[in-house]
């Protein structure tokens, strides 16, 4: 799913104009990014949490040449799904397995 699809679905479910939904999604993304830049953890109840992750420098190999290199340190984002989301996904997986049987 991409941003356009997300806007379409939310717009249809809430009967809101696409422009308004797009603005809300853009604002949400900006607020999450700003919080992560401040090294704050972002928790969305029943969904999950985002946190800044500092990747350290480490030795790697260039996959094309096999040449050893050093992976430079950088920042990334980790998402940890909430219990409610994990339970929902596992319940659906269990339902799909029982349908196959």
N, C-alpha and C. Protein backbone atom coordinates (compact mmCIF):
# COMPACT_ATOMS: atom_id res chain seq x y z
N UNK A 1 0.85 -1.17 0.00
CA UNK A 1 0.00 0.00 0.00
C UNK A 1 0.90 1.23 0.00
N UNK A 2 0.52 2.22 -0.78
CA UNK A 2 1.27 3.46 -0.81
C UNK A 2 0.40 4.60 -0.25
N UNK A 3 0.97 5.81 -0.23
CA UNK A 3 0.27 6.95 0.36
C UNK A 3 -1.05 7.23 -0.37
N UNK A 4 -1.03 7.16 -1.69
CA UNK A 4 -2.24 7.43 -2.47
C UNK A 4 -3.36 6.45 -2.10
N UNK A 5 -3.02 5.18 -1.98
CA UNK A 5 -4.02 4.17 -1.60
C UNK A 5 -4.55 4.42 -0.20
N UNK A 6 -3.65 4.79 0.70
CA UNK A 6 -4.05 5.08 2.08
C UNK A 6 -5.02 6.26 2.12
N UNK A 7 -4.72 7.31 1.37
CA UNK A 7 -5.62 8.47 1.31
C UNK A 7 -6.98 8.06 0.76
N UNK A 8 -6.99 7.26 -0.28
CA UNK A 8 -8.26 6.80 -0.88
C UNK A 8 -9.11 6.04 0.14
N UNK A 9 -8.50 5.10 0.84
CA UNK A 9 -9.24 4.26 1.79
C UNK A 9 -9.78 5.09 2.94
N UNK A 10 -8.93 5.94 3.53
CA UNK A 10 -9.38 6.76 4.66
C UNK A 10 -10.45 7.74 4.21
N UNK A 11 -10.27 8.33 3.05
CA UNK A 11 -11.25 9.27 2.52
C UNK A 11 -12.61 8.60 2.34
N UNK A 12 -12.61 7.40 1.81
CA UNK A 12 -13.87 6.66 1.62
C UNK A 12 -14.50 6.27 2.95
N UNK A 13 -13.70 5.78 3.89
CA UNK A 13 -14.24 5.33 5.18
C UNK A 13 -14.80 6.47 6.02
N UNK A 14 -14.15 7.63 5.95
CA UNK A 14 -14.57 8.75 6.78
C UNK A 14 -15.40 9.78 6.02
N UNK A 15 -15.60 9.53 4.73
CA UNK A 15 -16.35 10.45 3.88
C UNK A 15 -15.78 11.87 3.99
N UNK A 16 -14.46 11.95 3.82
CA UNK A 16 -13.74 13.22 3.87
C UNK A 16 -13.09 13.48 2.52
N UNK A 17 -12.89 14.75 2.18
CA UNK A 17 -12.20 15.07 0.91
C UNK A 17 -10.76 14.56 0.92
N UNK A 18 -10.30 14.13 -0.25
CA UNK A 18 -8.94 13.59 -0.38
C UNK A 18 -7.89 14.60 0.10
N UNK A 19 -8.08 15.87 -0.24
CA UNK A 19 -7.11 16.90 0.12
C UNK A 19 -6.96 17.00 1.64
N UNK A 20 -8.08 16.91 2.34
CA UNK A 20 -8.05 17.01 3.80
C UNK A 20 -7.34 15.79 4.41
N UNK A 21 -7.65 14.61 3.91
CA UNK A 21 -7.01 13.39 4.41
C UNK A 21 -5.51 13.43 4.11
N UNK A 22 -5.15 13.86 2.92
CA UNK A 22 -3.73 13.95 2.54
C UNK A 22 -3.00 14.92 3.47
N UNK A 23 -3.63 16.03 3.80
CA UNK A 23 -3.04 17.00 4.72
C UNK A 23 -2.82 16.39 6.10
N UNK A 24 -3.79 15.62 6.58
CA UNK A 24 -3.66 14.97 7.89
C UNK A 24 -2.51 13.96 7.88
N UNK A 25 -2.41 13.17 6.82
CA UNK A 25 -1.35 12.16 6.73
C UNK A 25 0.02 12.85 6.65
N UNK A 26 0.12 13.92 5.86
CA UNK A 26 1.39 14.66 5.77
C UNK A 26 1.78 15.24 7.13
N UNK A 27 0.80 15.79 7.84
CA UNK A 27 1.06 16.36 9.16
C UNK A 27 1.49 15.28 10.14
N UNK A 28 0.83 14.13 10.11
CA UNK A 28 1.20 13.02 10.97
C UNK A 28 2.65 12.60 10.71
N UNK A 29 3.01 12.46 9.45
CA UNK A 29 4.38 12.07 9.09
C UNK A 29 5.38 13.12 9.57
N UNK A 30 5.04 14.40 9.42
CA UNK A 30 5.92 15.47 9.89
C UNK A 30 6.11 15.44 11.39
N UNK A 31 5.02 15.24 12.13
CA UNK A 31 5.09 15.20 13.60
C UNK A 31 5.93 14.01 14.06
N UNK A 32 5.74 12.86 13.43
CA UNK A 32 6.55 11.68 13.79
C UNK A 32 8.02 11.94 13.50
N UNK A 33 8.32 12.49 12.32
CA UNK A 33 9.71 12.78 11.95
C UNK A 33 10.33 13.79 12.92
N UNK A 34 9.60 14.85 13.24
CA UNK A 34 10.11 15.86 14.17
C UNK A 34 10.40 15.25 15.54
N UNK A 35 9.52 14.40 16.00
CA UNK A 35 9.71 13.74 17.30
C UNK A 35 10.94 12.84 17.28
N UNK A 36 11.11 12.10 16.20
CA UNK A 36 12.28 11.21 16.08
C UNK A 36 13.57 12.02 16.01
N UNK A 37 13.52 13.17 15.33
CA UNK A 37 14.71 14.04 15.28
C UNK A 37 15.09 14.54 16.66
N UNK A 38 14.10 14.69 17.53
CA UNK A 38 14.35 15.09 18.92
C UNK A 38 14.66 13.88 19.80
N UNK A 39 14.81 12.73 19.16
CA UNK A 39 15.09 11.45 19.83
C UNK A 39 14.00 11.05 20.81
N UNK A 40 12.77 11.42 20.50
CA UNK A 40 11.62 10.99 21.29
C UNK A 40 11.04 9.72 20.68
N UNK A 41 10.56 8.86 21.52
CA UNK A 41 9.87 7.65 21.08
C UNK A 41 8.43 8.05 20.76
N UNK A 42 7.89 7.56 19.65
CA UNK A 42 6.52 7.86 19.25
C UNK A 42 5.69 6.60 19.44
N UNK A 43 4.68 6.67 20.30
CA UNK A 43 3.84 5.51 20.60
C UNK A 43 2.43 5.80 20.10
N UNK A 44 1.91 4.90 19.27
CA UNK A 44 0.52 4.99 18.81
C UNK A 44 -0.20 3.79 19.41
N UNK A 45 -1.08 4.09 20.37
CA UNK A 45 -1.79 3.05 21.12
C UNK A 45 -2.45 2.04 20.18
N UNK A 46 -2.35 0.76 20.50
CA UNK A 46 -2.92 -0.36 19.74
C UNK A 46 -2.31 -0.54 18.35
N UNK A 47 -1.24 0.19 18.05
CA UNK A 47 -0.59 0.04 16.75
C UNK A 47 0.88 -0.32 16.92
N UNK A 48 1.65 0.57 17.55
CA UNK A 48 3.06 0.29 17.75
C UNK A 48 3.83 1.54 18.09
N UNK A 49 5.15 1.41 18.10
CA UNK A 49 5.99 2.56 18.44
C UNK A 49 7.16 2.67 17.47
N UNK A 50 7.59 3.91 17.28
CA UNK A 50 8.74 4.23 16.44
C UNK A 50 9.81 4.82 17.34
N UNK A 51 11.07 4.46 17.07
CA UNK A 51 12.15 5.07 17.82
C UNK A 51 13.37 5.21 16.92
N UNK A 52 14.18 6.20 17.25
CA UNK A 52 15.42 6.42 16.52
C UNK A 52 16.40 5.32 16.88
N UNK A 53 17.12 4.83 15.89
CA UNK A 53 18.09 3.76 16.11
C UNK A 53 19.42 4.22 15.52
N UNK A 54 20.44 4.25 16.35
CA UNK A 54 21.78 4.66 15.90
C UNK A 54 22.54 3.42 15.46
N UNK A 55 22.71 3.27 14.15
CA UNK A 55 23.48 2.15 13.63
C UNK A 55 24.96 2.47 13.78
N UNK A 56 25.71 1.53 14.29
CA UNK A 56 27.13 1.76 14.52
C UNK A 56 27.95 1.39 13.28
N UNK A 57 29.17 1.86 13.26
CA UNK A 57 30.09 1.51 12.19
C UNK A 57 30.44 0.03 12.31
N UNK A 58 30.55 -0.63 11.15
CA UNK A 58 30.91 -2.05 11.19
C UNK A 58 31.51 -2.46 9.85
N UNK A 59 32.33 -3.51 9.86
CA UNK A 59 32.91 -3.98 8.60
C UNK A 59 31.87 -4.74 7.77
N UNK A 60 31.87 -4.49 6.47
CA UNK A 60 30.96 -5.18 5.53
C UNK A 60 31.76 -5.51 4.27
N UNK A 61 31.12 -6.23 3.36
CA UNK A 61 31.73 -6.52 2.06
C UNK A 61 30.85 -5.96 0.96
N UNK A 62 31.49 -5.40 -0.05
CA UNK A 62 30.77 -4.93 -1.23
C UNK A 62 30.23 -6.17 -1.94
N UNK A 63 28.90 -6.27 -2.13
CA UNK A 63 28.33 -7.49 -2.73
C UNK A 63 28.77 -7.73 -4.18
N UNK A 64 29.14 -6.67 -4.91
CA UNK A 64 29.56 -6.84 -6.30
C UNK A 64 31.01 -7.28 -6.42
N UNK A 65 31.88 -6.66 -5.61
CA UNK A 65 33.31 -6.91 -5.75
C UNK A 65 33.89 -7.80 -4.66
N UNK A 66 33.18 -7.93 -3.55
CA UNK A 66 33.70 -8.70 -2.42
C UNK A 66 34.71 -7.92 -1.60
N UNK A 67 34.96 -6.67 -1.99
CA UNK A 67 35.94 -5.84 -1.29
C UNK A 67 35.45 -5.47 0.11
N UNK A 68 36.31 -5.62 1.13
CA UNK A 68 35.91 -5.22 2.48
C UNK A 68 35.78 -3.70 2.57
N UNK A 69 34.78 -3.26 3.29
CA UNK A 69 34.52 -1.83 3.46
C UNK A 69 34.06 -1.59 4.90
N UNK A 70 33.95 -0.33 5.26
CA UNK A 70 33.41 0.03 6.56
C UNK A 70 32.06 0.70 6.34
N UNK A 71 31.04 0.16 6.98
CA UNK A 71 29.70 0.73 6.94
C UNK A 71 29.70 1.91 7.90
N UNK A 72 29.48 3.10 7.39
CA UNK A 72 29.53 4.31 8.22
C UNK A 72 28.34 4.35 9.17
N UNK A 73 28.53 4.90 10.37
CA UNK A 73 27.41 5.01 11.31
C UNK A 73 26.33 5.94 10.75
N UNK A 74 25.09 5.63 11.07
CA UNK A 74 23.97 6.47 10.60
C UNK A 74 22.78 6.24 11.50
N UNK A 75 21.80 7.08 11.34
CA UNK A 75 20.55 6.94 12.09
C UNK A 75 19.52 6.25 11.23
N UNK A 76 18.68 5.47 11.87
CA UNK A 76 17.58 4.80 11.19
C UNK A 76 16.39 4.80 12.15
N UNK A 77 15.30 4.19 11.73
CA UNK A 77 14.09 4.14 12.56
C UNK A 77 13.72 2.69 12.77
N UNK A 78 13.37 2.36 14.00
CA UNK A 78 12.85 1.02 14.31
C UNK A 78 11.37 1.16 14.63
N UNK A 79 10.57 0.24 14.10
CA UNK A 79 9.15 0.16 14.43
C UNK A 79 8.93 -1.13 15.20
N UNK A 80 8.28 -1.02 16.34
CA UNK A 80 7.94 -2.20 17.13
C UNK A 80 6.42 -2.27 17.18
N UNK A 81 5.83 -3.31 16.60
CA UNK A 81 4.37 -3.40 16.61
C UNK A 81 3.84 -3.59 18.03
N UNK A 82 2.68 -3.00 18.28
CA UNK A 82 2.03 -3.16 19.58
C UNK A 82 1.40 -4.53 19.72
N UNK A 83 1.10 -4.91 20.95
CA UNK A 83 0.52 -6.23 21.22
C UNK A 83 -0.79 -6.42 20.47
N UNK A 84 -1.63 -5.38 20.43
CA UNK A 84 -2.92 -5.48 19.75
C UNK A 84 -2.72 -5.80 18.27
N UNK A 85 -1.78 -5.12 17.61
CA UNK A 85 -1.52 -5.35 16.19
C UNK A 85 -0.97 -6.76 15.96
N UNK A 86 -0.04 -7.19 16.79
CA UNK A 86 0.53 -8.54 16.66
C UNK A 86 -0.55 -9.59 16.85
N UNK A 87 -1.40 -9.41 17.87
CA UNK A 87 -2.49 -10.37 18.12
C UNK A 87 -3.43 -10.43 16.92
N UNK A 88 -3.76 -9.27 16.35
CA UNK A 88 -4.65 -9.21 15.20
C UNK A 88 -4.04 -9.95 14.00
N UNK A 89 -2.77 -9.71 13.74
CA UNK A 89 -2.10 -10.37 12.62
C UNK A 89 -2.02 -11.87 12.82
N UNK A 90 -1.72 -12.30 14.04
CA UNK A 90 -1.64 -13.73 14.32
C UNK A 90 -3.00 -14.40 14.26
N UNK A 91 -4.03 -13.70 14.70
CA UNK A 91 -5.39 -14.25 14.63
C UNK A 91 -5.79 -14.45 13.17
N UNK A 92 -5.47 -13.47 12.32
CA UNK A 92 -5.80 -13.61 10.90
C UNK A 92 -4.99 -14.73 10.26
N UNK A 93 -3.74 -14.88 10.65
CA UNK A 93 -2.91 -15.97 10.12
C UNK A 93 -3.48 -17.32 10.54
N UNK A 94 -3.94 -17.41 11.80
CA UNK A 94 -4.55 -18.65 12.28
C UNK A 94 -5.83 -18.95 11.52
N UNK A 95 -6.64 -17.91 11.24
CA UNK A 95 -7.88 -18.09 10.49
C UNK A 95 -7.59 -18.58 9.07
N UNK A 96 -6.53 -18.04 8.45
CA UNK A 96 -6.18 -18.47 7.10
C UNK A 96 -5.71 -19.91 7.10
N UNK A 97 -4.97 -20.32 8.12
CA UNK A 97 -4.50 -21.70 8.23
C UNK A 97 -5.67 -22.66 8.41
N UNK A 98 -6.65 -22.27 9.23
CA UNK A 98 -7.80 -23.15 9.46
C UNK A 98 -8.68 -23.25 8.22
N UNK A 99 -8.70 -22.20 7.39
CA UNK A 99 -9.46 -22.25 6.14
C UNK A 99 -8.82 -23.22 5.14
N UNK A 100 -7.49 -23.37 5.20
CA UNK A 100 -6.79 -24.27 4.29
C UNK A 100 -7.03 -25.73 4.66
N UNK A 101 -7.27 -25.99 5.94
CA UNK A 101 -7.42 -27.37 6.41
C UNK A 101 -8.74 -27.98 6.02
